[in-house]
Amino acid sequence: MKLTVKPRLGAVLSQLNWSQSELSRRSGVPQASISRFDNSERHYDWHVASIMKATGAKYEELFEVKETEEGAE
């Protein structure tokens, strides 16, 4: 099995009707990091935890996780 993880912060912000600046203010995560979140492959643990706490989102809401067979795309 291979896991593919895709960030979905933009969708979470849309549901809350929040801007990136608003999330930055509420979470303490720099706005520049929030701006890059959905295009980044690596995330600081404290960024993820702070965003989850500020938004009330669960991990599964913040990231789309897909399982595929090894070699299948």
PDB file of N, CA and C in Angstrom:
ATOM      1  N   MET A   1       0.832  -1.184   0.000  1.00  0.00           N
ATOM      2  CA  MET A   1       0.000   0.000   0.000  1.00  0.00           C
ATOM      3  C   MET A   1       0.880   1.252   0.000  1.00  0.00           C
ATOM      4  N   LYS A   2       0.399   2.226  -0.704  1.00  0.00           N
ATOM      5  CA  LYS A   2       1.062   3.528  -0.731  1.00  0.00           C
ATOM      6  C   LYS A   2       0.027   4.579  -0.339  1.00  0.00           C
ATOM      7  N   LEU A   3       0.414   5.489   0.545  1.00  0.00           N
ATOM      8  CA  LEU A   3      -0.479   6.572   0.943  1.00  0.00           C
ATOM      9  C   LEU A   3      -0.096   7.844   0.209  1.00  0.00           C
ATOM     10  N   THR A   4      -1.092   8.527  -0.302  1.00  0.00           N
ATOM     11  CA  THR A   4      -0.909   9.838  -0.905  1.00  0.00           C
ATOM     12  C   THR A   4      -1.682  10.827  -0.046  1.00  0.00           C
ATOM     13  N   VAL A   5      -1.006  11.885   0.382  1.00  0.00           N
ATOM     14  CA  VAL A   5      -1.623  12.876   1.257  1.00  0.00           C
ATOM     15  C   VAL A   5      -1.637  14.220   0.544  1.00  0.00           C
ATOM     16  N   LYS A   6      -2.824  14.796   0.431  1.00  0.00           N
ATOM     17  CA  LYS A   6      -2.981  16.075  -0.266  1.00  0.00           C
ATOM     18  C   LYS A   6      -3.600  17.095   0.693  1.00  0.00           C
ATOM     19  N   PRO A   7      -2.901  18.208   0.958  1.00  0.00           N
ATOM     20  CA  PRO A   7      -3.454  19.237   1.839  1.00  0.00           C
ATOM     21  C   PRO A   7      -4.718  19.869   1.247  1.00  0.00           C
ATOM     22  N   ARG A   8      -5.644  20.247   2.129  1.00  0.00           N
ATOM     23  CA  ARG A   8      -6.917  20.844   1.715  1.00  0.00           C
ATOM     24  C   ARG A   8      -7.239  22.102   2.519  1.00  0.00           C
ATOM     25  N   LEU A   9      -6.216  22.859   2.903  1.00  0.00           N
ATOM     26  CA  LEU A   9      -6.449  24.031   3.738  1.00  0.00           C
ATOM     27  C   LEU A   9      -7.339  25.056   3.045  1.00  0.00           C
ATOM     28  N   GLY A  10      -7.161  25.244   1.758  1.00  0.00           N
ATOM     29  CA  GLY A  10      -7.991  26.200   1.024  1.00  0.00           C
ATOM     30  C   GLY A  10      -9.471  25.891   1.148  1.00  0.00           C
ATOM     31  N   ALA A  11      -9.821  24.612   1.079  1.00  0.00           N
ATOM     32  CA  ALA A  11     -11.222  24.202   1.209  1.00  0.00           C
ATOM     33  C   ALA A  11     -11.744  24.469   2.616  1.00  0.00           C
ATOM     34  N   VAL A  12     -10.907  24.212   3.618  1.00  0.00           N
ATOM     35  CA  VAL A  12     -11.305  24.466   5.006  1.00  0.00           C
ATOM     36  C   VAL A  12     -11.550  25.959   5.211  1.00  0.00           C
ATOM     37  N   LEU A  13     -10.649  26.788   4.694  1.00  0.00           N
ATOM     38  CA  LEU A  13     -10.814  28.239   4.830  1.00  0.00           C
ATOM     39  C   LEU A  13     -12.075  28.721   4.119  1.00  0.00           C
ATOM     40  N   SER A  14     -12.365  28.161   2.965  1.00  0.00           N
ATOM     41  CA  SER A  14     -13.583  28.539   2.230  1.00  0.00           C
ATOM     42  C   SER A  14     -14.836  28.207   3.035  1.00  0.00           C
ATOM     43  N   GLN A  15     -14.844  27.031   3.659  1.00  0.00           N
ATOM     44  CA  GLN A  15     -16.003  26.629   4.467  1.00  0.00           C
ATOM     45  C   GLN A  15     -16.218  27.571   5.643  1.00  0.00           C
ATOM     46  N   LEU A  16     -15.111  28.052   6.214  1.00  0.00           N
ATOM     47  CA  LEU A  16     -15.204  28.957   7.364  1.00  0.00           C
ATOM     48  C   LEU A  16     -15.391  30.413   6.944  1.00  0.00           C
ATOM     49  N   ASN A  17     -15.213  30.669   5.644  1.00  0.00           N
ATOM     50  CA  ASN A  17     -15.241  32.035   5.121  1.00  0.00           C
ATOM     51  C   ASN A  17     -14.150  32.891   5.774  1.00  0.00           C
ATOM     52  N   TRP A  18     -12.964  32.287   5.948  1.00  0.00           N
ATOM     53  CA  TRP A  18     -11.812  32.967   6.537  1.00  0.00           C
ATOM     54  C   TRP A  18     -10.781  33.238   5.458  1.00  0.00           C
ATOM     55  N   SER A  19     -10.050  34.317   5.630  1.00  0.00           N
ATOM     56  CA  SER A  19      -8.899  34.605   4.775  1.00  0.00           C
ATOM     57  C   SER A  19      -7.666  33.941   5.388  1.00  0.00           C
ATOM     58  N   GLN A  20      -6.604  33.890   4.617  1.00  0.00           N
ATOM     59  CA  GLN A  20      -5.340  33.379   5.144  1.00  0.00           C
ATOM     60  C   GLN A  20      -4.858  34.258   6.293  1.00  0.00           C
ATOM     61  N   SER A  21      -5.062  35.556   6.177  1.00  0.00           N
ATOM     62  CA  SER A  21      -4.657  36.489   7.240  1.00  0.00           C
ATOM     63  C   SER A  21      -5.422  36.224   8.531  1.00  0.00           C
ATOM     64  N   GLU A  22      -6.715  35.936   8.410  1.00  0.00           N
ATOM     65  CA  GLU A  22      -7.531  35.629   9.589  1.00  0.00           C
ATOM     66  C   GLU A  22      -7.028  34.358  10.263  1.00  0.00           C
ATOM     67  N   LEU A  23      -6.727  33.331   9.479  1.00  0.00           N
ATOM     68  CA  LEU A  23      -6.197  32.097  10.056  1.00  0.00           C
ATOM     69  C   LEU A  23      -4.852  32.349  10.722  1.00  0.00           C
ATOM     70  N   SER A  24      -4.014  33.140  10.110  1.00  0.00           N
ATOM     71  CA  SER A  24      -2.718  33.470  10.698  1.00  0.00           C
ATOM     72  C   SER A  24      -2.899  34.140  12.058  1.00  0.00           C
ATOM     73  N   ARG A  25      -3.813  35.085  12.123  1.00  0.00           N
ATOM     74  CA  ARG A  25      -4.076  35.798  13.376  1.00  0.00           C
ATOM     75  C   ARG A  25      -4.585  34.844  14.456  1.00  0.00           C
ATOM     76  N   ARG A  26      -5.490  33.945  14.087  1.00  0.00           N
ATOM     77  CA  ARG A  26      -6.092  33.033  15.062  1.00  0.00           C
ATOM     78  C   ARG A  26      -5.175  31.882  15.463  1.00  0.00           C
ATOM     79  N   SER A  27      -4.275  31.475  14.563  1.00  0.00           N
ATOM     80  CA  SER A  27      -3.448  30.283  14.815  1.00  0.00           C
ATOM     81  C   SER A  27      -2.019  30.594  15.242  1.00  0.00           C
ATOM     82  N   GLY A  28      -1.527  31.775  14.881  1.00  0.00           N
ATOM     83  CA  GLY A  28      -0.131  32.101  15.162  1.00  0.00           C
ATOM     84  C   GLY A  28       0.829  31.582  14.108  1.00  0.00           C
ATOM     85  N   VAL A  29       0.313  30.940  13.072  1.00  0.00           N
ATOM     86  CA  VAL A  29       1.138  30.442  11.967  1.00  0.00           C
ATOM     87  C   VAL A  29       1.367  31.602  11.000  1.00  0.00           C
ATOM     88  N   PRO A  30       2.616  31.833  10.584  1.00  0.00           N
ATOM     89  CA  PRO A  30       2.876  32.945   9.661  1.00  0.00           C
ATOM     90  C   PRO A  30       2.029  32.844   8.391  1.00  0.00           C
ATOM     91  N   GLN A  31       1.542  33.984   7.925  1.00  0.00           N
ATOM     92  CA  GLN A  31       0.688  34.021   6.743  1.00  0.00           C
ATOM     93  C   GLN A  31       1.400  33.436   5.537  1.00  0.00           C
ATOM     94  N   ALA A  32       2.697  33.668   5.404  1.00  0.00           N
ATOM     95  CA  ALA A  32       3.455  33.119   4.272  1.00  0.00           C
ATOM     96  C   ALA A  32       3.426  31.590   4.285  1.00  0.00           C
ATOM     97  N   SER A  33       3.491  30.987   5.453  1.00  0.00           N
ATOM     98  CA  SER A  33       3.425  29.523   5.562  1.00  0.00           C
ATOM     99  C   SER A  33       2.038  29.016   5.195  1.00  0.00           C
ATOM    100  N   ILE A  34       1.014  29.743   5.600  1.00  0.00           N
ATOM    101  CA  ILE A  34      -0.358  29.368   5.250  1.00  0.00           C
ATOM    102  C   ILE A  34      -0.543  29.450   3.739  1.00  0.00           C
ATOM    103  N   SER A  35       0.027  30.483   3.129  1.00  0.00           N
ATOM    104  CA  SER A  35      -0.079  30.671   1.682  1.00  0.00           C
ATOM    105  C   SER A  35       0.512  29.491   0.907  1.00  0.00           C
ATOM    106  N   ARG A  36       1.583  28.913   1.427  1.00  0.00           N
ATOM    107  CA  ARG A  36       2.260  27.795   0.754  1.00  0.00           C
ATOM    108  C   ARG A  36       1.728  26.423   1.166  1.00  0.00           C
ATOM    109  N   PHE A  37       0.841  26.361   2.129  1.00  0.00           N
ATOM    110  CA  PHE A  37       0.434  25.104   2.758  1.00  0.00           C
ATOM    111  C   PHE A  37      -0.049  24.056   1.763  1.00  0.00           C
ATOM    112  N   ASP A  38      -0.980  24.406   0.885  1.00  0.00           N
ATOM    113  CA  ASP A  38      -1.570  23.421  -0.023  1.00  0.00           C
ATOM    114  C   ASP A  38      -0.612  22.952  -1.110  1.00  0.00           C
ATOM    115  N   ASN A  39       0.454  23.699  -1.356  1.00  0.00           N
ATOM    116  CA  ASN A  39       1.423  23.314  -2.386  1.00  0.00           C
ATOM    117  C   ASN A  39       2.682  22.686  -1.808  1.00  0.00           C
ATOM    118  N   SER A  40       2.744  22.562  -0.508  1.00  0.00           N
ATOM    119  CA  SER A  40       3.932  22.036   0.153  1.00  0.00           C
ATOM    120  C   SER A  40       3.772  20.549   0.455  1.00  0.00           C
ATOM    121  N   GLU A  41       4.880  19.827   0.404  1.00  0.00           N
ATOM    122  CA  GLU A  41       4.866  18.402   0.742  1.00  0.00           C
ATOM    123  C   GLU A  41       5.208  18.160   2.206  1.00  0.00           C
ATOM    124  N   ARG A  42       5.781  19.163   2.852  1.00  0.00           N
ATOM    125  CA  ARG A  42       6.181  19.023   4.254  1.00  0.00           C
ATOM    126  C   ARG A  42       5.558  20.148   5.066  1.00  0.00           C
ATOM    127  N   HIS A  43       5.113  19.797   6.269  1.00  0.00           N
ATOM    128  CA  HIS A  43       4.477  20.766   7.147  1.00  0.00           C
ATOM    129  C   HIS A  43       5.030  20.597   8.553  1.00  0.00           C
ATOM    130  N   TYR A  44       5.306  21.712   9.200  1.00  0.00           N
ATOM    131  CA  TYR A  44       5.733  21.651  10.597  1.00  0.00           C
ATOM    132  C   TYR A  44       4.574  21.128  11.443  1.00  0.00           C
ATOM    133  N   ASP A  45       4.900  20.258  12.384  1.00  0.00           N
ATOM    134  CA  ASP A  45       3.867  19.706  13.266  1.00  0.00           C
ATOM    135  C   ASP A  45       3.099  20.809  13.983  1.00  0.00           C
ATOM    136  N   TRP A  46       3.825  21.824  14.454  1.00  0.00           N
ATOM    137  CA  TRP A  46       3.147  22.880  15.209  1.00  0.00           C
ATOM    138  C   TRP A  46       2.228  23.692  14.310  1.00  0.00           C
ATOM    139  N   HIS A  47       2.553  23.811  13.010  1.00  0.00           N
ATOM    140  CA  HIS A  47       1.649  24.497  12.079  1.00  0.00           C
ATOM    141  C   HIS A  47       0.345  23.709  11.961  1.00  0.00           C
ATOM    142  N   VAL A  48       0.466  22.415  11.740  1.00  0.00           N
ATOM    143  CA  VAL A  48      -0.718  21.563  11.579  1.00  0.00           C
ATOM    144  C   VAL A  48      -1.564  21.596  12.850  1.00  0.00           C
ATOM    145  N   ALA A  49      -0.931  21.419  14.006  1.00  0.00           N
ATOM    146  CA  ALA A  49      -1.665  21.415  15.275  1.00  0.00           C
ATOM    147  C   ALA A  49      -2.341  22.760  15.529  1.00  0.00           C
ATOM    148  N   SER A  50      -1.645  23.848  15.254  1.00  0.00           N
ATOM    149  CA  SER A  50      -2.209  25.184  15.475  1.00  0.00           C
ATOM    150  C   SER A  50      -3.372  25.461  14.538  1.00  0.00           C
ATOM    151  N   ILE A  51      -3.249  25.040  13.289  1.00  0.00           N
ATOM    152  CA  ILE A  51      -4.328  25.226  12.316  1.00  0.00           C
ATOM    153  C   ILE A  51      -5.535  24.384  12.704  1.00  0.00           C
ATOM    154  N   MET A  52      -5.305  23.145  13.118  1.00  0.00           N
ATOM    155  CA  MET A  52      -6.411  22.285  13.543  1.00  0.00           C
ATOM    156  C   MET A  52      -7.126  22.888  14.751  1.00  0.00           C
ATOM    157  N   LYS A  53      -6.364  23.401  15.708  1.00  0.00           N
ATOM    158  CA  LYS A  53      -6.970  23.985  16.902  1.00  0.00           C
ATOM    159  C   LYS A  53      -7.769  25.237  16.550  1.00  0.00           C
ATOM    160  N   ALA A  54      -7.212  26.101  15.706  1.00  0.00           N
ATOM    161  CA  ALA A  54      -7.882  27.358  15.349  1.00  0.00           C
ATOM    162  C   ALA A  54      -9.150  27.126  14.536  1.00  0.00           C
ATOM    163  N   THR A  55      -9.115  26.154  13.626  1.00  0.00           N
ATOM    164  CA  THR A  55     -10.251  25.928  12.725  1.00  0.00           C
ATOM    165  C   THR A  55     -11.247  24.909  13.258  1.00  0.00           C
ATOM    166  N   GLY A  56     -10.805  24.072  14.188  1.00  0.00           N
ATOM    167  CA  GLY A  56     -11.652  22.976  14.659  1.00  0.00           C
ATOM    168  C   GLY A  56     -11.693  21.815  13.680  1.00  0.00           C
ATOM    169  N   ALA A  57     -10.842  21.867  12.655  1.00  0.00           N
ATOM    170  CA  ALA A  57     -10.815  20.820  11.628  1.00  0.00           C
ATOM    171  C   ALA A  57     -10.092  19.584  12.146  1.00  0.00           C
ATOM    172  N   LYS A  58     -10.568  18.432  11.734  1.00  0.00           N
ATOM    173  CA  LYS A  58      -9.891  17.172  12.010  1.00  0.00           C
ATOM    174  C   LYS A  58      -8.831  16.951  10.932  1.00  0.00           C
ATOM    175  N   TYR A  59      -7.895  16.047  11.220  1.00  0.00           N
ATOM    176  CA  TYR A  59      -6.827  15.757  10.257  1.00  0.00           C
ATOM    177  C   TYR A  59      -7.405  15.391   8.894  1.00  0.00           C
ATOM    178  N   GLU A  60      -8.444  14.564   8.895  1.00  0.00           N
ATOM    179  CA  GLU A  60      -9.046  14.084   7.651  1.00  0.00           C
ATOM    180  C   GLU A  60      -9.715  15.205   6.856  1.00  0.00           C
ATOM    181  N   GLU A  61     -10.040  16.308   7.519  1.00  0.00           N
ATOM    182  CA  GLU A  61     -10.601  17.468   6.826  1.00  0.00           C
ATOM    183  C   GLU A  61      -9.497  18.350   6.250  1.00  0.00           C
ATOM    184  N   LEU A  62      -8.376  18.385   6.941  1.00  0.00           N
ATOM    185  CA  LEU A  62      -7.255  19.227   6.531  1.00  0.00           C
ATOM    186  C   LEU A  62      -6.398  18.567   5.456  1.00  0.00           C
ATOM    187  N   PHE A  63      -6.413  17.228   5.424  1.00  0.00           N
ATOM    188  CA  PHE A  63      -5.640  16.474   4.442  1.00  0.00           C
ATOM    189  C   PHE A  63      -6.509  15.380   3.831  1.00  0.00           C
ATOM    190  N   GLU A  64      -6.452  15.241   2.523  1.00  0.00           N
ATOM    191  CA  GLU A  64      -7.104  14.128   1.829  1.00  0.00           C
ATOM    192  C   GLU A  64      -6.089  12.991   1.759  1.00  0.00           C
ATOM    193  N   VAL A  65      -6.434  11.843   2.305  1.00  0.00           N
ATOM    194  CA  VAL A  65      -5.525  10.698   2.338  1.00  0.00           C
ATOM    195  C   VAL A  65      -6.095   9.600   1.452  1.00  0.00           C
ATOM    196  N   LYS A  66      -5.289   9.151   0.488  1.00  0.00           N
ATOM    197  CA  LYS A  66      -5.711   8.074  -0.411  1.00  0.00           C
ATOM    198  C   LYS A  66      -4.731   6.921  -0.306  1.00  0.00           C
ATOM    199  N   GLU A  67      -5.273   5.709  -0.295  1.00  0.00           N
ATOM    200  CA  GLU A  67      -4.458   4.496  -0.328  1.00  0.00           C
ATOM    201  C   GLU A  67      -4.497   3.933  -1.737  1.00  0.00           C
ATOM    202  N   THR A  68      -3.328   3.599  -2.269  1.00  0.00           N
ATOM    203  CA  THR A  68      -3.254   2.966  -3.585  1.00  0.00           C
ATOM    204  C   THR A  68      -2.325   1.768  -3.492  1.00  0.00           C
ATOM    205  N   GLU A  69      -2.495   0.857  -4.421  1.00  0.00           N
ATOM    206  CA  GLU A  69      -1.578  -0.274  -4.509  1.00  0.00           C
ATOM    207  C   GLU A  69      -0.224   0.249  -4.972  1.00  0.00           C
ATOM    208  N   GLU A  70       0.829  -0.345  -4.483  1.00  0.00           N
ATOM    209  CA  GLU A  70       2.186   0.049  -4.888  1.00  0.00           C
ATOM    210  C   GLU A  70       2.312  -0.067  -6.401  1.00  0.00           C
ATOM    211  N   GLY A  71       2.746   0.995  -7.041  1.00  0.00           N
ATOM    212  CA  GLY A  71       2.904   1.005  -8.492  1.00  0.00           C
ATOM    213  C   GLY A  71       1.681   1.499  -9.230  1.00  0.00           C
ATOM    214  N   ALA A  72       0.512   1.483  -8.596  1.00  0.00           N
ATOM    215  CA  ALA A  72      -0.715   2.000  -9.232  1.00  0.00           C
ATOM    216  C   ALA A  72      -0.836   3.482  -8.929  1.00  0.00           C
ATOM    217  N   GLU A  73      -1.352   4.226  -9.847  1.00  0.00           N
ATOM    218  CA  GLU A  73      -1.505   5.671  -9.639  1.00  0.00           C
ATOM    219  C   GLU A  73      -2.937   6.050  -9.793  1.00  0.00           C
TER     220      GLU A  73
END
